[in-house]
Amino acid sequence: MVRIEAEVDRDRRELLRTSLLDTNTKASPVLRALRQDPDGSREVPLHVWALDERDGGTLGGLVGHTWAGWLHVTYLWVAAEHRGAGLGGALLARAEDIARAERGCGAVRLETWDFQAPDFYRRHGYDVVCVIPDYPPGITEFTLTKRLG
């Protein structure tokens, strides 16, 4: 007999995560090879900051990580008064350079919403690979990728 429950349970969540990780590793030769490499089994943070030279204040930043030859951009933000001056592009370019030159990445992926920056990323060479309308309701989410040459 099976009982179905809906509750937040951190221990069961961790059991599920590790069980899925083990199952996927066994099922996929690609994941198995990545996870046998000491550096291939974990995400490595990549953060790039734009700072005010006068007071060190944060004007913008990019937070992401690299894994399996990819840079994943999680957040890219520029203070409103500095938008349109190339700062976002500079942050993105620096992260791409680090990912390619220092970490051997061949591609980048990220998600953004329609009211944020899909056109910004297209101007910087990104291609839309997925569009999810109405996620959340009234908003469209885009997944974009870029090959690093």
N, C-alpha and C. Protein backbone atom coordinates (compact mmCIF):
# COMPACT_ATOMS: atom_id res chain seq x y z
N MET A 1 0.84 -1.17 0.00
CA MET A 1 0.00 0.00 0.00
C MET A 1 0.90 1.25 0.00
N VAL A 2 0.47 2.29 -0.68
CA VAL A 2 1.22 3.54 -0.80
C VAL A 2 0.40 4.68 -0.24
N ARG A 3 1.05 5.55 0.49
CA ARG A 3 0.41 6.77 1.00
C ARG A 3 1.08 7.96 0.32
N ILE A 4 0.32 8.86 -0.24
CA ILE A 4 0.84 10.06 -0.89
C ILE A 4 0.67 11.23 0.07
N GLU A 5 1.76 11.97 0.30
CA GLU A 5 1.73 13.13 1.19
C GLU A 5 2.25 14.36 0.46
N ALA A 6 1.80 15.52 0.88
CA ALA A 6 2.32 16.78 0.36
C ALA A 6 2.78 17.59 1.56
N GLU A 7 4.09 17.62 1.76
CA GLU A 7 4.66 18.39 2.86
C GLU A 7 6.12 18.70 2.55
N VAL A 8 6.62 19.76 3.09
CA VAL A 8 8.02 20.11 2.92
C VAL A 8 8.83 19.27 3.90
N ASP A 9 9.79 18.52 3.35
CA ASP A 9 10.61 17.62 4.16
C ASP A 9 12.03 17.67 3.60
N ARG A 10 12.92 18.36 4.28
CA ARG A 10 14.28 18.55 3.79
C ARG A 10 15.05 17.23 3.67
N ASP A 11 14.85 16.33 4.60
CA ASP A 11 15.56 15.05 4.53
C ASP A 11 15.12 14.24 3.31
N ARG A 12 13.82 14.20 3.06
CA ARG A 12 13.33 13.47 1.88
C ARG A 12 13.76 14.18 0.60
N ARG A 13 13.80 15.50 0.64
CA ARG A 13 14.27 16.25 -0.53
C ARG A 13 15.71 15.85 -0.86
N GLU A 14 16.56 15.78 0.14
CA GLU A 14 17.95 15.39 -0.09
C GLU A 14 18.05 13.95 -0.58
N LEU A 15 17.23 13.06 -0.03
CA LEU A 15 17.19 11.68 -0.50
C LEU A 15 16.80 11.63 -1.97
N LEU A 16 15.78 12.40 -2.34
CA LEU A 16 15.33 12.44 -3.72
C LEU A 16 16.44 12.99 -4.63
N ARG A 17 17.09 14.07 -4.19
CA ARG A 17 18.17 14.67 -4.99
C ARG A 17 19.30 13.69 -5.23
N THR A 18 19.76 13.04 -4.18
CA THR A 18 20.88 12.10 -4.34
C THR A 18 20.46 10.86 -5.12
N SER A 19 19.23 10.40 -4.92
CA SER A 19 18.74 9.24 -5.68
C SER A 19 18.67 9.56 -7.17
N LEU A 20 18.15 10.74 -7.49
CA LEU A 20 18.07 11.15 -8.90
C LEU A 20 19.46 11.33 -9.49
N LEU A 21 20.35 11.94 -8.74
CA LEU A 21 21.73 12.11 -9.19
C LEU A 21 22.36 10.75 -9.50
N ASP A 22 22.21 9.80 -8.59
CA ASP A 22 22.77 8.46 -8.81
C ASP A 22 22.14 7.77 -10.00
N THR A 23 20.81 7.84 -10.11
CA THR A 23 20.09 7.20 -11.21
C THR A 23 20.52 7.79 -12.55
N ASN A 24 20.59 9.13 -12.62
CA ASN A 24 20.98 9.78 -13.87
C ASN A 24 22.42 9.47 -14.23
N THR A 25 23.31 9.42 -13.25
CA THR A 25 24.71 9.11 -13.51
C THR A 25 24.85 7.70 -14.07
N LYS A 26 24.11 6.76 -13.52
CA LYS A 26 24.16 5.38 -14.03
C LYS A 26 23.57 5.27 -15.42
N ALA A 27 22.54 6.06 -15.72
CA ALA A 27 21.83 5.95 -16.99
C ALA A 27 22.52 6.67 -18.14
N SER A 28 23.36 7.66 -17.84
CA SER A 28 23.96 8.49 -18.90
C SER A 28 25.48 8.37 -18.91
N PRO A 29 26.05 7.85 -19.99
CA PRO A 29 27.51 7.80 -20.07
C PRO A 29 28.15 9.19 -20.03
N VAL A 30 27.46 10.19 -20.54
CA VAL A 30 28.00 11.55 -20.53
C VAL A 30 28.09 12.05 -19.10
N LEU A 31 27.00 11.93 -18.34
CA LEU A 31 27.03 12.37 -16.94
C LEU A 31 28.00 11.53 -16.12
N ARG A 32 28.07 10.25 -16.40
CA ARG A 32 29.01 9.39 -15.68
C ARG A 32 30.45 9.87 -15.89
N ALA A 33 30.80 10.18 -17.13
CA ALA A 33 32.16 10.67 -17.43
C ALA A 33 32.41 12.01 -16.75
N LEU A 34 31.44 12.91 -16.80
CA LEU A 34 31.60 14.21 -16.14
C LEU A 34 31.81 14.05 -14.65
N ARG A 35 31.03 13.20 -14.05
CA ARG A 35 31.07 13.06 -12.59
C ARG A 35 32.25 12.24 -12.10
N GLN A 36 32.93 11.53 -13.01
CA GLN A 36 34.15 10.83 -12.62
C GLN A 36 35.35 11.77 -12.62
N ASP A 37 35.20 12.88 -13.36
CA ASP A 37 36.23 13.91 -13.38
C ASP A 37 36.06 14.74 -12.12
N PRO A 38 37.10 14.85 -11.27
CA PRO A 38 36.96 15.60 -10.01
C PRO A 38 36.43 17.02 -10.20
N ASP A 39 36.75 17.66 -11.33
CA ASP A 39 36.28 19.02 -11.56
C ASP A 39 34.96 19.07 -12.33
N GLY A 40 34.50 17.94 -12.84
CA GLY A 40 33.31 17.95 -13.68
C GLY A 40 32.01 17.73 -12.94
N SER A 41 32.09 17.40 -11.67
CA SER A 41 30.87 17.04 -10.96
C SER A 41 30.26 18.20 -10.18
N ARG A 42 30.90 19.36 -10.23
CA ARG A 42 30.37 20.46 -9.42
C ARG A 42 30.35 21.75 -10.22
N GLU A 43 29.45 22.60 -9.82
CA GLU A 43 29.36 23.92 -10.41
C GLU A 43 30.41 24.80 -9.75
N VAL A 44 31.06 25.62 -10.56
CA VAL A 44 32.07 26.54 -10.03
C VAL A 44 31.52 27.96 -10.21
N PRO A 45 31.36 28.71 -9.12
CA PRO A 45 30.80 30.06 -9.22
C PRO A 45 31.65 30.97 -10.11
N LEU A 46 30.97 31.86 -10.80
CA LEU A 46 31.63 32.90 -11.60
C LEU A 46 30.86 34.19 -11.35
N HIS A 47 31.52 35.15 -10.72
CA HIS A 47 30.91 36.45 -10.40
C HIS A 47 31.78 37.56 -11.00
N VAL A 48 31.14 38.53 -11.61
CA VAL A 48 31.82 39.69 -12.18
C VAL A 48 31.09 40.93 -11.68
N TRP A 49 31.84 41.91 -11.19
CA TRP A 49 31.24 43.10 -10.57
C TRP A 49 31.70 44.38 -11.27
N ALA A 50 30.80 45.34 -11.35
CA ALA A 50 31.12 46.69 -11.80
C ALA A 50 31.05 47.57 -10.56
N LEU A 51 32.18 48.17 -10.19
CA LEU A 51 32.25 48.94 -8.95
C LEU A 51 32.58 50.40 -9.24
N ASP A 52 32.03 51.27 -8.44
CA ASP A 52 32.34 52.70 -8.52
C ASP A 52 33.77 52.90 -8.04
N GLU A 53 34.60 53.50 -8.87
CA GLU A 53 36.01 53.69 -8.50
C GLU A 53 36.19 54.61 -7.30
N ARG A 54 35.23 55.51 -7.08
CA ARG A 54 35.35 56.45 -5.97
C ARG A 54 35.06 55.82 -4.62
N ASP A 55 33.94 55.10 -4.53
CA ASP A 55 33.56 54.60 -3.21
C ASP A 55 33.40 53.08 -3.13
N GLY A 56 33.65 52.38 -4.25
CA GLY A 56 33.55 50.92 -4.25
C GLY A 56 32.14 50.39 -4.29
N GLY A 57 31.16 51.28 -4.44
CA GLY A 57 29.77 50.84 -4.50
C GLY A 57 29.50 49.98 -5.72
N THR A 58 28.56 49.08 -5.60
CA THR A 58 28.22 48.16 -6.69
C THR A 58 27.30 48.85 -7.69
N LEU A 59 27.76 48.95 -8.94
CA LEU A 59 26.98 49.55 -10.01
C LEU A 59 26.27 48.49 -10.84
N GLY A 60 26.73 47.27 -10.74
CA GLY A 60 26.14 46.17 -11.48
C GLY A 60 26.92 44.90 -11.22
N GLY A 61 26.38 43.81 -11.73
CA GLY A 61 27.09 42.55 -11.54
C GLY A 61 26.46 41.42 -12.31
N LEU A 62 27.24 40.37 -12.45
CA LEU A 62 26.79 39.14 -13.08
C LEU A 62 27.14 38.01 -12.13
N VAL A 63 26.17 37.17 -11.84
CA VAL A 63 26.37 35.99 -11.00
C VAL A 63 25.97 34.78 -11.82
N GLY A 64 26.85 33.82 -11.85
CA GLY A 64 26.57 32.59 -12.57
C GLY A 64 27.49 31.49 -12.10
N HIS A 65 27.56 30.43 -12.88
CA HIS A 65 28.48 29.34 -12.58
C HIS A 65 28.84 28.63 -13.88
N THR A 66 29.93 27.89 -13.83
CA THR A 66 30.31 27.06 -14.97
C THR A 66 30.17 25.60 -14.56
N TRP A 67 29.77 24.78 -15.53
CA TRP A 67 29.64 23.35 -15.33
C TRP A 67 29.55 22.69 -16.70
N ALA A 68 30.26 21.62 -16.86
CA ALA A 68 30.17 20.78 -18.06
C ALA A 68 30.43 21.56 -19.34
N GLY A 69 31.36 22.51 -19.26
CA GLY A 69 31.71 23.26 -20.46
C GLY A 69 30.75 24.38 -20.81
N TRP A 70 29.87 24.73 -19.87
CA TRP A 70 28.90 25.80 -20.09
C TRP A 70 29.00 26.83 -18.98
N LEU A 71 28.77 28.08 -19.35
CA LEU A 71 28.54 29.15 -18.39
C LEU A 71 27.03 29.31 -18.27
N HIS A 72 26.51 29.29 -17.06
CA HIS A 72 25.10 29.57 -16.83
C HIS A 72 25.01 30.91 -16.10
N VAL A 73 24.41 31.89 -16.76
CA VAL A 73 24.21 33.20 -16.15
C VAL A 73 22.92 33.15 -15.34
N THR A 74 23.04 33.36 -14.04
CA THR A 74 21.88 33.33 -13.16
C THR A 74 21.28 34.72 -13.01
N TYR A 75 22.14 35.72 -12.77
CA TYR A 75 21.69 37.10 -12.60
C TYR A 75 22.63 38.04 -13.35
N LEU A 76 22.04 39.03 -14.00
CA LEU A 76 22.80 40.15 -14.56
C LEU A 76 21.98 41.40 -14.27
N TRP A 77 22.59 42.33 -13.56
CA TRP A 77 21.87 43.53 -13.16
C TRP A 77 22.80 44.73 -13.24
N VAL A 78 22.24 45.86 -13.70
CA VAL A 78 22.97 47.13 -13.74
C VAL A 78 22.05 48.19 -13.13
N ALA A 79 22.61 49.02 -12.26
CA ALA A 79 21.84 50.10 -11.63
C ALA A 79 21.22 50.98 -12.72
N ALA A 80 20.00 51.42 -12.49
CA ALA A 80 19.23 52.16 -13.49
C ALA A 80 20.00 53.32 -14.09
N GLU A 81 20.72 54.06 -13.26
CA GLU A 81 21.43 55.25 -13.77
C GLU A 81 22.62 54.91 -14.66
N HIS A 82 22.98 53.63 -14.74
CA HIS A 82 24.13 53.22 -15.57
C HIS A 82 23.70 52.37 -16.77
N ARG A 83 22.42 52.15 -16.92
CA ARG A 83 21.94 51.35 -18.06
C ARG A 83 22.07 52.14 -19.35
N GLY A 84 22.34 51.42 -20.42
CA GLY A 84 22.47 52.05 -21.73
C GLY A 84 23.86 52.58 -22.02
N ALA A 85 24.78 52.41 -21.09
CA ALA A 85 26.15 52.93 -21.28
C ALA A 85 27.15 51.82 -21.60
N GLY A 86 26.66 50.58 -21.80
CA GLY A 86 27.55 49.48 -22.16
C GLY A 86 28.05 48.65 -20.98
N LEU A 87 27.61 48.98 -19.78
CA LEU A 87 28.09 48.27 -18.60
C LEU A 87 27.62 46.82 -18.58
N GLY A 88 26.36 46.57 -18.93
CA GLY A 88 25.84 45.20 -18.97
C GLY A 88 26.60 44.36 -19.98
N GLY A 89 26.86 44.93 -21.14
CA GLY A 89 27.63 44.22 -22.17
C GLY A 89 29.04 43.92 -21.71
N ALA A 90 29.64 44.87 -20.99
CA ALA A 90 31.00 44.67 -20.48
C ALA A 90 31.04 43.55 -19.44
N LEU A 91 30.05 43.51 -18.56
CA LEU A 91 29.97 42.43 -17.57
C LEU A 91 29.80 41.08 -18.25
N LEU A 92 28.92 41.03 -19.23
CA LEU A 92 28.66 39.80 -19.96
C LEU A 92 29.91 39.34 -20.71
N ALA A 93 30.57 40.27 -21.38
CA ALA A 93 31.78 39.94 -22.13
C ALA A 93 32.88 39.42 -21.22
N ARG A 94 33.05 40.04 -20.06
CA ARG A 94 34.09 39.58 -19.11
C ARG A 94 33.80 38.18 -18.61
N ALA A 95 32.53 37.90 -18.28
CA ALA A 95 32.16 36.56 -17.83
C ALA A 95 32.38 35.53 -18.95
N GLU A 96 32.01 35.89 -20.17
CA GLU A 96 32.23 34.99 -21.31
C GLU A 96 33.71 34.72 -21.51
N ASP A 97 34.54 35.77 -21.38
CA ASP A 97 36.00 35.60 -21.54
C ASP A 97 36.56 34.66 -20.48
N ILE A 98 36.16 34.84 -19.23
CA ILE A 98 36.63 33.97 -18.16
C ILE A 98 36.18 32.53 -18.42
N ALA A 99 34.91 32.37 -18.78
CA ALA A 99 34.37 31.03 -19.02
C ALA A 99 35.12 30.33 -20.15
N ARG A 100 35.40 31.05 -21.23
CA ARG A 100 36.07 30.47 -22.38
C ARG A 100 37.55 30.24 -22.11
N ALA A 101 38.25 31.30 -21.71
CA ALA A 101 39.71 31.25 -21.62
C ALA A 101 40.23 30.52 -20.39
N GLU A 102 39.54 30.69 -19.26
CA GLU A 102 40.05 30.12 -18.02
C GLU A 102 39.37 28.81 -17.62
N ARG A 103 38.16 28.59 -18.15
CA ARG A 103 37.42 27.40 -17.71
C ARG A 103 37.05 26.47 -18.85
N GLY A 104 37.45 26.82 -20.06
CA GLY A 104 37.24 25.93 -21.20
C GLY A 104 35.81 25.78 -21.66
N CYS A 105 34.96 26.74 -21.35
CA CYS A 105 33.56 26.64 -21.74
C CYS A 105 33.40 26.96 -23.23
N GLY A 106 32.45 26.28 -23.84
CA GLY A 106 32.17 26.51 -25.25
C GLY A 106 30.84 27.17 -25.50
N ALA A 107 30.06 27.38 -24.43
CA ALA A 107 28.73 27.96 -24.62
C ALA A 107 28.23 28.60 -23.32
N VAL A 108 27.18 29.40 -23.49
CA VAL A 108 26.52 30.10 -22.38
C VAL A 108 25.03 29.85 -22.50
N ARG A 109 24.36 29.78 -21.35
CA ARG A 109 22.90 29.72 -21.34
C ARG A 109 22.37 30.62 -20.23
N LEU A 110 21.14 31.11 -20.42
CA LEU A 110 20.50 31.96 -19.42
C LEU A 110 19.01 32.02 -19.68
N GLU A 111 18.30 32.50 -18.69
CA GLU A 111 16.86 32.73 -18.81
C GLU A 111 16.59 34.20 -18.52
N THR A 112 15.58 34.73 -19.21
CA THR A 112 15.15 36.11 -18.96
C THR A 112 13.67 36.21 -19.29
N TRP A 113 13.01 37.23 -18.76
CA TRP A 113 11.60 37.45 -19.05
C TRP A 113 11.45 38.53 -20.12
N ASP A 114 10.28 38.57 -20.73
CA ASP A 114 10.04 39.49 -21.84
C ASP A 114 10.21 40.95 -21.45
N PHE A 115 9.95 41.32 -20.21
CA PHE A 115 10.09 42.71 -19.79
C PHE A 115 11.51 43.03 -19.33
N GLN A 116 12.37 42.03 -19.29
CA GLN A 116 13.75 42.26 -18.86
C GLN A 116 14.64 42.54 -20.07
N ALA A 117 15.30 41.52 -20.60
CA ALA A 117 16.38 41.83 -21.53
C ALA A 117 16.55 40.87 -22.71
N PRO A 118 15.50 40.27 -23.28
CA PRO A 118 15.76 39.37 -24.41
C PRO A 118 16.45 40.08 -25.59
N ASP A 119 16.07 41.31 -25.87
CA ASP A 119 16.70 42.02 -26.99
C ASP A 119 18.16 42.36 -26.69
N PHE A 120 18.47 42.69 -25.46
CA PHE A 120 19.85 42.94 -25.04
C PHE A 120 20.71 41.72 -25.35
N TYR A 121 20.24 40.55 -24.96
CA TYR A 121 21.03 39.33 -25.19
C TYR A 121 21.14 39.00 -26.68
N ARG A 122 20.07 39.22 -27.44
CA ARG A 122 20.15 38.99 -28.89
C ARG A 122 21.22 39.89 -29.51
N ARG A 123 21.27 41.15 -29.08
CA ARG A 123 22.30 42.07 -29.61
C ARG A 123 23.71 41.60 -29.28
N HIS A 124 23.83 40.79 -28.24
CA HIS A 124 25.15 40.28 -27.84
C HIS A 124 25.39 38.86 -28.34
N GLY A 125 24.65 38.45 -29.36
CA GLY A 125 24.92 37.19 -30.04
C GLY A 125 24.19 35.98 -29.51
N TYR A 126 23.23 36.16 -28.64
CA TYR A 126 22.48 35.04 -28.08
C TYR A 126 21.30 34.68 -28.97
N ASP A 127 20.99 33.38 -29.02
CA ASP A 127 19.86 32.87 -29.77
C ASP A 127 18.78 32.37 -28.81
N VAL A 128 17.54 32.66 -29.13
CA VAL A 128 16.42 32.14 -28.35
C VAL A 128 16.25 30.67 -28.71
N VAL A 129 16.29 29.80 -27.70
CA VAL A 129 16.12 28.36 -27.93
C VAL A 129 14.83 27.83 -27.31
N CYS A 130 14.21 28.63 -26.47
CA CYS A 130 12.95 28.21 -25.84
C CYS A 130 12.16 29.45 -25.43
N VAL A 131 10.86 29.39 -25.67
CA VAL A 131 9.95 30.44 -25.25
C VAL A 131 8.81 29.78 -24.49
N ILE A 132 8.58 30.25 -23.27
CA ILE A 132 7.49 29.71 -22.45
C ILE A 132 6.51 30.85 -22.17
N PRO A 133 5.42 30.90 -22.93
CA PRO A 133 4.44 31.96 -22.70
C PRO A 133 3.69 31.74 -21.39
N ASP A 134 3.30 32.84 -20.79
CA ASP A 134 2.45 32.81 -19.60
C ASP A 134 3.12 32.14 -18.40
N TYR A 135 4.46 32.32 -18.30
CA TYR A 135 5.20 31.77 -17.15
C TYR A 135 6.04 32.85 -16.51
N PRO A 136 5.60 33.41 -15.40
CA PRO A 136 4.29 33.25 -14.78
C PRO A 136 3.21 33.94 -15.60
N PRO A 137 1.94 33.78 -15.20
CA PRO A 137 0.85 34.32 -16.00
C PRO A 137 1.06 35.80 -16.38
N GLY A 138 0.92 36.06 -17.68
CA GLY A 138 1.09 37.41 -18.19
C GLY A 138 2.51 37.75 -18.61
N ILE A 139 3.44 36.85 -18.40
CA ILE A 139 4.85 37.07 -18.71
C ILE A 139 5.34 35.92 -19.58
N THR A 140 6.28 36.21 -20.46
CA THR A 140 6.91 35.17 -21.28
C THR A 140 8.36 35.00 -20.83
N GLU A 141 8.76 33.76 -20.62
CA GLU A 141 10.14 33.46 -20.26
C GLU A 141 10.89 32.97 -21.50
N PHE A 142 12.13 33.44 -21.66
CA PHE A 142 12.99 33.04 -22.76
C PHE A 142 14.22 32.33 -22.21
N THR A 143 14.62 31.27 -22.87
CA THR A 143 15.93 30.66 -22.64
C THR A 143 16.77 30.98 -23.87
N LEU A 144 17.97 31.51 -23.62
CA LEU A 144 18.86 31.87 -24.73
C LEU A 144 20.21 31.19 -24.53
N THR A 145 20.88 30.92 -25.65
CA THR A 145 22.21 30.35 -25.61
C THR A 145 23.13 31.08 -26.58
N LYS A 146 24.41 30.92 -26.35
CA LYS A 146 25.42 31.50 -27.24
C LYS A 146 26.62 30.57 -27.26
N ARG A 147 27.11 30.29 -28.45
CA ARG A 147 28.35 29.52 -28.60
C ARG A 147 29.52 30.49 -28.45
N LEU A 148 30.51 30.09 -27.68
CA LEU A 148 31.69 30.92 -27.49
C LEU A 148 32.76 30.47 -28.49
N GLY A 149 33.19 31.40 -29.35
CA GLY A 149 34.15 31.06 -30.40
C GLY A 149 35.57 31.10 -29.94
